[in-house]
Amino acid sequence: MTSVSQMTDDQFERFALEILQREIGPDGLARFLRRFCSGKGDYTRDRASWQRDLTVEQIVASLNRPQGV
C-alpha cells in the first residue's frame, strides 16, 4: 500500500471512503456524504449574481492569478 503522504488527492479520497464504508457500512457512508458534501443555497443562481458584472477578460485574469491574491 502507498503511504498516505505519497497518494494523490484522488487516491486518498478513494482510500478514505473505503475505510469509512468498511467501518460504518454503506448506509453510514451515504449518510456521511450527504451530511458533509452537500452545500446550502443555489450555487448556480448565486454565481450568476456575483459574476453579473464581470467581463470575460476579468474572469480569465482571475484564473491566471495565483491562489490567495
C-alpha atoms as a PDB file:
ATOM      1  CA  MET A   1       0.000   0.000   0.000  1.00  0.00           C
ATOM      2  CA  THR A   2       1.165   3.519  -0.820  1.00  0.00           C
ATOM      3  CA  SER A   3       1.666   5.741   2.207  1.00  0.00           C
ATOM      4  CA  VAL A   4      -0.947   8.445   2.682  1.00  0.00           C
ATOM      5  CA  SER A   5       1.654  11.163   2.127  1.00  0.00           C
ATOM      6  CA  GLN A   6       2.507   9.683  -1.289  1.00  0.00           C
ATOM      7  CA  MET A   7      -1.108   9.428  -2.519  1.00  0.00           C
ATOM      8  CA  THR A   8      -2.680  11.840  -4.942  1.00  0.00           C
ATOM      9  CA  ASP A   9      -5.795  13.597  -3.681  1.00  0.00           C
ATOM     10  CA  ASP A  10      -7.977  11.236  -5.736  1.00  0.00           C
ATOM     11  CA  GLN A  11      -6.202   8.151  -4.365  1.00  0.00           C
ATOM     12  CA  PHE A  12      -6.511   9.484  -0.817  1.00  0.00           C
ATOM     13  CA  GLU A  13     -10.224  10.194  -1.256  1.00  0.00           C
ATOM     14  CA  ARG A  14     -10.885   6.656  -2.531  1.00  0.00           C
ATOM     15  CA  PHE A  15      -8.808   5.184   0.299  1.00  0.00           C
ATOM     16  CA  ALA A  16     -10.636   7.218   2.951  1.00  0.00           C
ATOM     17  CA  LEU A  17     -14.062   6.359   1.526  1.00  0.00           C
ATOM     18  CA  GLU A  18     -13.177   2.659   1.511  1.00  0.00           C
ATOM     19  CA  ILE A  19     -12.238   2.884   5.200  1.00  0.00           C
ATOM     20  CA  LEU A  20     -15.463   4.712   6.031  1.00  0.00           C
ATOM     21  CA  GLN A  21     -17.558   2.157   4.171  1.00  0.00           C
ATOM     22  CA  ARG A  22     -15.782  -0.723   5.880  1.00  0.00           C
ATOM     23  CA  GLU A  23     -16.185   0.827   9.339  1.00  0.00           C
ATOM     24  CA  ILE A  24     -19.676   2.331   9.165  1.00  0.00           C
ATOM     25  CA  GLY A  25     -21.208   0.396   6.270  1.00  0.00           C
ATOM     26  CA  PRO A  26     -22.772   1.616   3.036  1.00  0.00           C
ATOM     27  CA  ASP A  27     -25.707   3.319   4.770  1.00  0.00           C
ATOM     28  CA  GLY A  28     -23.378   5.150   7.134  1.00  0.00           C
ATOM     29  CA  LEU A  29     -21.145   6.211   4.257  1.00  0.00           C
ATOM     30  CA  ALA A  30     -24.137   7.542   2.325  1.00  0.00           C
ATOM     31  CA  ARG A  31     -25.271   9.466   5.398  1.00  0.00           C
ATOM     32  CA  PHE A  32     -21.774  10.900   5.903  1.00  0.00           C
ATOM     33  CA  LEU A  33     -21.546  12.011   2.272  1.00  0.00           C
ATOM     34  CA  ARG A  34     -24.975  13.671   2.404  1.00  0.00           C
ATOM     35  CA  ARG A  35     -24.013  15.496   5.590  1.00  0.00           C
ATOM     36  CA  PHE A  36     -20.578  16.736   4.551  1.00  0.00           C
ATOM     37  CA  CYS A  37     -20.768  17.052   0.768  1.00  0.00           C
ATOM     38  CA  SER A  38     -23.970  18.952   0.256  1.00  0.00           C
ATOM     39  CA  GLY A  39     -23.944  22.717   0.364  1.00  0.00           C
ATOM     40  CA  LYS A  40     -26.697  25.116   1.130  1.00  0.00           C
ATOM     41  CA  GLY A  41     -28.368  27.506  -1.259  1.00  0.00           C
ATOM     42  CA  ASP A  42     -28.459  27.645  -5.036  1.00  0.00           C
ATOM     43  CA  TYR A  43     -24.890  27.928  -6.326  1.00  0.00           C
ATOM     44  CA  THR A  44     -25.971  28.483  -9.938  1.00  0.00           C
ATOM     45  CA  ARG A  45     -28.202  31.420  -9.004  1.00  0.00           C
ATOM     46  CA  ASP A  46     -25.620  32.848  -6.599  1.00  0.00           C
ATOM     47  CA  ARG A  47     -22.794  32.531  -9.148  1.00  0.00           C
ATOM     48  CA  ALA A  48     -24.850  34.358 -11.752  1.00  0.00           C
ATOM     49  CA  SER A  49     -25.417  37.127  -9.230  1.00  0.00           C
ATOM     50  CA  TRP A  50     -21.763  37.703  -8.298  1.00  0.00           C
ATOM     51  CA  GLN A  51     -20.497  37.241 -11.864  1.00  0.00           C
ATOM     52  CA  ARG A  52     -23.106  39.506 -13.444  1.00  0.00           C
ATOM     53  CA  ASP A  53     -20.797  42.494 -13.922  1.00  0.00           C
ATOM     54  CA  LEU A  54     -17.596  40.594 -14.795  1.00  0.00           C
ATOM     55  CA  THR A  55     -16.161  40.661 -18.287  1.00  0.00           C
ATOM     56  CA  VAL A  56     -14.622  37.604 -19.944  1.00  0.00           C
ATOM     57  CA  GLU A  57     -11.224  39.301 -19.616  1.00  0.00           C
ATOM     58  CA  GLN A  58     -11.679  39.701 -15.845  1.00  0.00           C
ATOM     59  CA  ILE A  59     -12.652  36.060 -15.449  1.00  0.00           C
ATOM     60  CA  VAL A  60      -9.643  34.883 -17.478  1.00  0.00           C
ATOM     61  CA  ALA A  61      -7.337  37.169 -15.471  1.00  0.00           C
ATOM     62  CA  SER A  62      -8.679  35.714 -12.204  1.00  0.00           C
ATOM     63  CA  LEU A  63      -7.942  32.186 -13.459  1.00  0.00           C
ATOM     64  CA  ASN A  64      -4.332  33.150 -14.172  1.00  0.00           C
ATOM     65  CA  ARG A  65      -3.707  34.750 -10.746  1.00  0.00           C
ATOM     66  CA  PRO A  66      -2.025  32.687  -8.031  1.00  0.00           C
ATOM     67  CA  GLN A  67      -4.442  31.480  -5.332  1.00  0.00           C
ATOM     68  CA  GLY A  68      -4.993  33.869  -2.430  1.00  0.00           C
ATOM     69  CA  VAL A  69      -4.115  37.009  -4.395  1.00  0.00           C
END
